Amino acid sequence: MNSTVYVGNKGVMNYVLAVITQFNTEKAEEVRIKARGRAISRAVDVEEMLKNRFMPEVKVKEINLGTDTIKNEDGKTINISTIEIVLTR
């Protein structure tokens, strides 16, 4: 079973707890942390805090980088960077 945590504007600890919950209560073997744009650095912080403080047994299986093309408020098409960090036990 795969679970995904989407990182946005909340504090890092909110997402760390969400990942821990996925591993513990959902019995997930893999958890994906996904983020776009400015939230990418927060996603990396979540992964590092999880590995170094809370769940040292968790390993990074893979990291996927990409670009999404979206329309902004002005109707212009812009590219936004994305990251997906796959964690496994």
N, C-alpha and C. Protein backbone atom coordinates (compact mmCIF):
# COMPACT_ATOMS: atom_id res chain seq x y z
N MET A 1 0.84 -1.19 0.00
CA MET A 1 0.00 0.00 0.00
C MET A 1 0.88 1.24 0.00
N ASN A 2 0.63 2.15 -0.92
CA ASN A 2 1.41 3.38 -1.00
C ASN A 2 0.58 4.55 -0.50
N SER A 3 1.23 5.43 0.24
CA SER A 3 0.58 6.62 0.76
C SER A 3 1.35 7.84 0.28
N THR A 4 0.64 8.95 0.14
CA THR A 4 1.27 10.19 -0.34
C THR A 4 0.95 11.32 0.62
N VAL A 5 1.97 12.12 0.94
CA VAL A 5 1.81 13.32 1.75
C VAL A 5 2.19 14.50 0.85
N TYR A 6 1.24 15.41 0.63
CA TYR A 6 1.50 16.59 -0.18
C TYR A 6 1.93 17.73 0.73
N VAL A 7 3.11 18.29 0.46
CA VAL A 7 3.66 19.36 1.29
C VAL A 7 3.23 20.71 0.72
N GLY A 8 2.73 21.57 1.61
CA GLY A 8 2.29 22.91 1.22
C GLY A 8 2.88 23.97 2.12
N ASN A 9 2.01 24.82 2.67
CA ASN A 9 2.48 25.98 3.43
C ASN A 9 2.49 25.80 4.95
N LYS A 10 2.06 24.65 5.44
CA LYS A 10 2.04 24.44 6.89
C LYS A 10 3.45 24.23 7.42
N GLY A 11 3.56 24.13 8.73
CA GLY A 11 4.86 23.91 9.35
C GLY A 11 5.39 22.52 9.06
N VAL A 12 6.71 22.37 9.15
CA VAL A 12 7.37 21.11 8.84
C VAL A 12 6.84 19.98 9.73
N MET A 13 6.61 20.25 11.00
CA MET A 13 6.19 19.19 11.93
C MET A 13 4.83 18.60 11.54
N ASN A 14 3.95 19.39 10.95
CA ASN A 14 2.66 18.86 10.48
C ASN A 14 2.87 17.72 9.49
N TYR A 15 3.82 17.91 8.59
CA TYR A 15 4.07 16.91 7.56
C TYR A 15 4.86 15.73 8.10
N VAL A 16 5.78 15.99 9.04
CA VAL A 16 6.51 14.90 9.68
C VAL A 16 5.53 13.98 10.39
N LEU A 17 4.59 14.55 11.13
CA LEU A 17 3.58 13.73 11.83
C LEU A 17 2.69 12.99 10.84
N ALA A 18 2.38 13.60 9.70
CA ALA A 18 1.57 12.93 8.69
C ALA A 18 2.29 11.71 8.14
N VAL A 19 3.59 11.82 7.90
CA VAL A 19 4.36 10.68 7.39
C VAL A 19 4.45 9.59 8.44
N ILE A 20 4.72 9.97 9.70
CA ILE A 20 4.78 8.98 10.78
C ILE A 20 3.45 8.25 10.90
N THR A 21 2.35 8.99 10.80
CA THR A 21 1.02 8.39 10.87
C THR A 21 0.83 7.38 9.74
N GLN A 22 1.26 7.72 8.55
CA GLN A 22 1.12 6.80 7.42
C GLN A 22 1.89 5.51 7.67
N PHE A 23 3.10 5.63 8.18
CA PHE A 23 3.91 4.44 8.44
C PHE A 23 3.32 3.60 9.57
N ASN A 24 2.83 4.24 10.63
CA ASN A 24 2.41 3.50 11.82
C ASN A 24 0.96 3.02 11.79
N THR A 25 0.02 3.91 11.51
CA THR A 25 -1.39 3.50 11.59
C THR A 25 -1.89 2.89 10.29
N GLU A 26 -1.37 3.34 9.16
CA GLU A 26 -1.81 2.80 7.87
C GLU A 26 -0.99 1.59 7.45
N LYS A 27 0.07 1.29 8.21
CA LYS A 27 0.97 0.17 7.91
C LYS A 27 1.53 0.26 6.49
N ALA A 28 1.82 1.46 6.05
CA ALA A 28 2.35 1.67 4.71
C ALA A 28 3.80 1.20 4.64
N GLU A 29 4.15 0.54 3.56
CA GLU A 29 5.54 0.13 3.32
C GLU A 29 6.33 1.27 2.68
N GLU A 30 5.62 2.10 1.90
CA GLU A 30 6.22 3.24 1.23
C GLU A 30 5.36 4.47 1.47
N VAL A 31 6.03 5.60 1.68
CA VAL A 31 5.32 6.88 1.76
C VAL A 31 6.02 7.84 0.80
N ARG A 32 5.20 8.52 -0.02
CA ARG A 32 5.73 9.50 -0.96
C ARG A 32 5.47 10.90 -0.43
N ILE A 33 6.51 11.72 -0.44
CA ILE A 33 6.38 13.13 -0.07
C ILE A 33 6.46 13.91 -1.38
N LYS A 34 5.39 14.67 -1.69
CA LYS A 34 5.36 15.42 -2.93
C LYS A 34 5.25 16.91 -2.62
N ALA A 35 5.93 17.73 -3.44
CA ALA A 35 5.87 19.18 -3.27
C ALA A 35 6.15 19.85 -4.60
N ARG A 36 5.68 21.11 -4.71
CA ARG A 36 5.92 21.92 -5.90
C ARG A 36 6.44 23.28 -5.47
N GLY A 37 7.24 23.88 -6.33
CA GLY A 37 7.69 25.26 -6.15
C GLY A 37 8.42 25.52 -4.85
N ARG A 38 7.97 26.54 -4.14
CA ARG A 38 8.64 26.94 -2.90
C ARG A 38 8.53 25.92 -1.78
N ALA A 39 7.61 24.98 -1.89
CA ALA A 39 7.45 23.96 -0.85
C ALA A 39 8.48 22.83 -0.96
N ILE A 40 9.28 22.85 -2.03
CA ILE A 40 10.27 21.78 -2.22
C ILE A 40 11.27 21.74 -1.05
N SER A 41 11.74 22.90 -0.62
CA SER A 41 12.70 22.91 0.49
C SER A 41 12.06 22.38 1.77
N ARG A 42 10.77 22.64 1.96
CA ARG A 42 10.06 22.13 3.13
C ARG A 42 9.94 20.60 3.06
N ALA A 43 9.73 20.06 1.87
CA ALA A 43 9.65 18.61 1.69
C ALA A 43 10.98 17.94 2.05
N VAL A 44 12.08 18.57 1.66
CA VAL A 44 13.40 18.04 2.00
C VAL A 44 13.61 18.13 3.51
N ASP A 45 13.17 19.21 4.13
CA ASP A 45 13.26 19.34 5.59
C ASP A 45 12.48 18.23 6.29
N VAL A 46 11.30 17.91 5.78
CA VAL A 46 10.47 16.84 6.35
C VAL A 46 11.24 15.52 6.30
N GLU A 47 11.81 15.21 5.16
CA GLU A 47 12.55 13.96 4.99
C GLU A 47 13.75 13.91 5.93
N GLU A 48 14.51 14.98 6.02
CA GLU A 48 15.70 15.00 6.87
C GLU A 48 15.34 14.89 8.35
N MET A 49 14.31 15.62 8.78
CA MET A 49 13.90 15.57 10.18
C MET A 49 13.39 14.17 10.54
N LEU A 50 12.64 13.58 9.63
CA LEU A 50 12.11 12.24 9.86
C LEU A 50 13.25 11.23 10.02
N LYS A 51 14.21 11.28 9.10
CA LYS A 51 15.32 10.33 9.13
C LYS A 51 16.24 10.54 10.33
N ASN A 52 16.53 11.79 10.64
CA ASN A 52 17.54 12.08 11.67
C ASN A 52 16.99 12.07 13.09
N ARG A 53 15.71 12.39 13.28
CA ARG A 53 15.18 12.50 14.64
C ARG A 53 14.17 11.43 15.03
N PHE A 54 13.23 11.13 14.13
CA PHE A 54 12.07 10.35 14.54
C PHE A 54 12.08 8.89 14.09
N MET A 55 12.50 8.63 12.87
CA MET A 55 12.47 7.26 12.33
C MET A 55 13.77 6.97 11.59
N PRO A 56 14.85 6.69 12.33
CA PRO A 56 16.14 6.46 11.65
C PRO A 56 16.14 5.22 10.75
N GLU A 57 15.16 4.33 10.93
CA GLU A 57 15.10 3.12 10.10
C GLU A 57 14.56 3.39 8.69
N VAL A 58 14.01 4.57 8.47
CA VAL A 58 13.44 4.93 7.17
C VAL A 58 14.57 5.29 6.20
N LYS A 59 14.46 4.77 4.98
CA LYS A 59 15.46 5.02 3.94
C LYS A 59 14.80 5.73 2.76
N VAL A 60 15.60 6.51 2.05
CA VAL A 60 15.12 7.14 0.82
C VAL A 60 15.29 6.13 -0.31
N LYS A 61 14.18 5.72 -0.90
CA LYS A 61 14.21 4.74 -1.98
C LYS A 61 14.55 5.41 -3.30
N GLU A 62 13.87 6.54 -3.57
CA GLU A 62 14.16 7.29 -4.79
C GLU A 62 13.69 8.73 -4.65
N ILE A 63 14.25 9.58 -5.50
CA ILE A 63 13.86 10.99 -5.56
C ILE A 63 13.59 11.31 -7.02
N ASN A 64 12.39 11.78 -7.30
CA ASN A 64 12.00 12.13 -8.66
C ASN A 64 11.83 13.65 -8.76
N LEU A 65 12.46 14.24 -9.76
CA LEU A 65 12.34 15.66 -10.02
C LEU A 65 11.60 15.86 -11.33
N GLY A 66 10.85 16.95 -11.41
CA GLY A 66 10.11 17.20 -12.64
C GLY A 66 9.63 18.62 -12.73
N THR A 67 8.83 18.86 -13.76
CA THR A 67 8.25 20.19 -14.00
C THR A 67 6.79 20.03 -14.38
N ASP A 68 5.93 20.81 -13.74
CA ASP A 68 4.52 20.88 -14.10
C ASP A 68 4.28 22.19 -14.85
N THR A 69 3.47 22.14 -15.87
CA THR A 69 3.09 23.35 -16.59
C THR A 69 1.68 23.72 -16.16
N ILE A 70 1.55 24.93 -15.60
CA ILE A 70 0.25 25.38 -15.12
C ILE A 70 -0.03 26.80 -15.62
N LYS A 71 -1.29 27.21 -15.51
CA LYS A 71 -1.65 28.59 -15.86
C LYS A 71 -1.77 29.40 -14.56
N ASN A 72 -1.16 30.58 -14.55
CA ASN A 72 -1.25 31.44 -13.37
C ASN A 72 -2.50 32.33 -13.45
N GLU A 73 -2.64 33.25 -12.52
CA GLU A 73 -3.84 34.09 -12.45
C GLU A 73 -4.02 34.93 -13.70
N ASP A 74 -2.92 35.32 -14.37
CA ASP A 74 -2.99 36.16 -15.55
C ASP A 74 -3.32 35.36 -16.81
N GLY A 75 -3.41 34.05 -16.69
CA GLY A 75 -3.67 33.21 -17.85
C GLY A 75 -2.42 32.78 -18.57
N LYS A 76 -1.25 33.19 -18.07
CA LYS A 76 0.01 32.80 -18.69
C LYS A 76 0.38 31.38 -18.26
N THR A 77 1.03 30.67 -19.16
CA THR A 77 1.50 29.32 -18.85
C THR A 77 2.88 29.44 -18.23
N ILE A 78 3.04 28.83 -17.06
CA ILE A 78 4.34 28.87 -16.38
C ILE A 78 4.76 27.45 -16.00
N ASN A 79 6.05 27.27 -15.85
CA ASN A 79 6.60 25.99 -15.41
C ASN A 79 6.89 26.08 -13.92
N ILE A 80 6.57 25.01 -13.20
CA ILE A 80 6.84 24.97 -11.77
C ILE A 80 7.54 23.64 -11.45
N SER A 81 8.62 23.71 -10.69
CA SER A 81 9.40 22.53 -10.36
C SER A 81 8.65 21.65 -9.36
N THR A 82 8.87 20.33 -9.47
CA THR A 82 8.25 19.39 -8.55
C THR A 82 9.29 18.43 -8.01
N ILE A 83 9.01 17.87 -6.83
CA ILE A 83 9.86 16.83 -6.25
C ILE A 83 8.96 15.77 -5.65
N GLU A 84 9.41 14.53 -5.74
CA GLU A 84 8.74 13.41 -5.10
C GLU A 84 9.82 12.59 -4.41
N ILE A 85 9.72 12.47 -3.09
CA ILE A 85 10.69 11.69 -2.30
C ILE A 85 9.97 10.44 -1.84
N VAL A 86 10.49 9.28 -2.22
CA VAL A 86 9.88 8.00 -1.85
C VAL A 86 10.65 7.43 -0.67
N LEU A 87 9.96 7.28 0.46
CA LEU A 87 10.56 6.72 1.67
C LEU A 87 10.07 5.29 1.88
N THR A 88 10.95 4.43 2.38
CA THR A 88 10.58 3.05 2.66
C THR A 88 11.21 2.63 3.98
N ARG A 89 10.61 1.58 4.57
CA ARG A 89 11.17 1.07 5.82
C ARG A 89 12.30 0.13 5.55
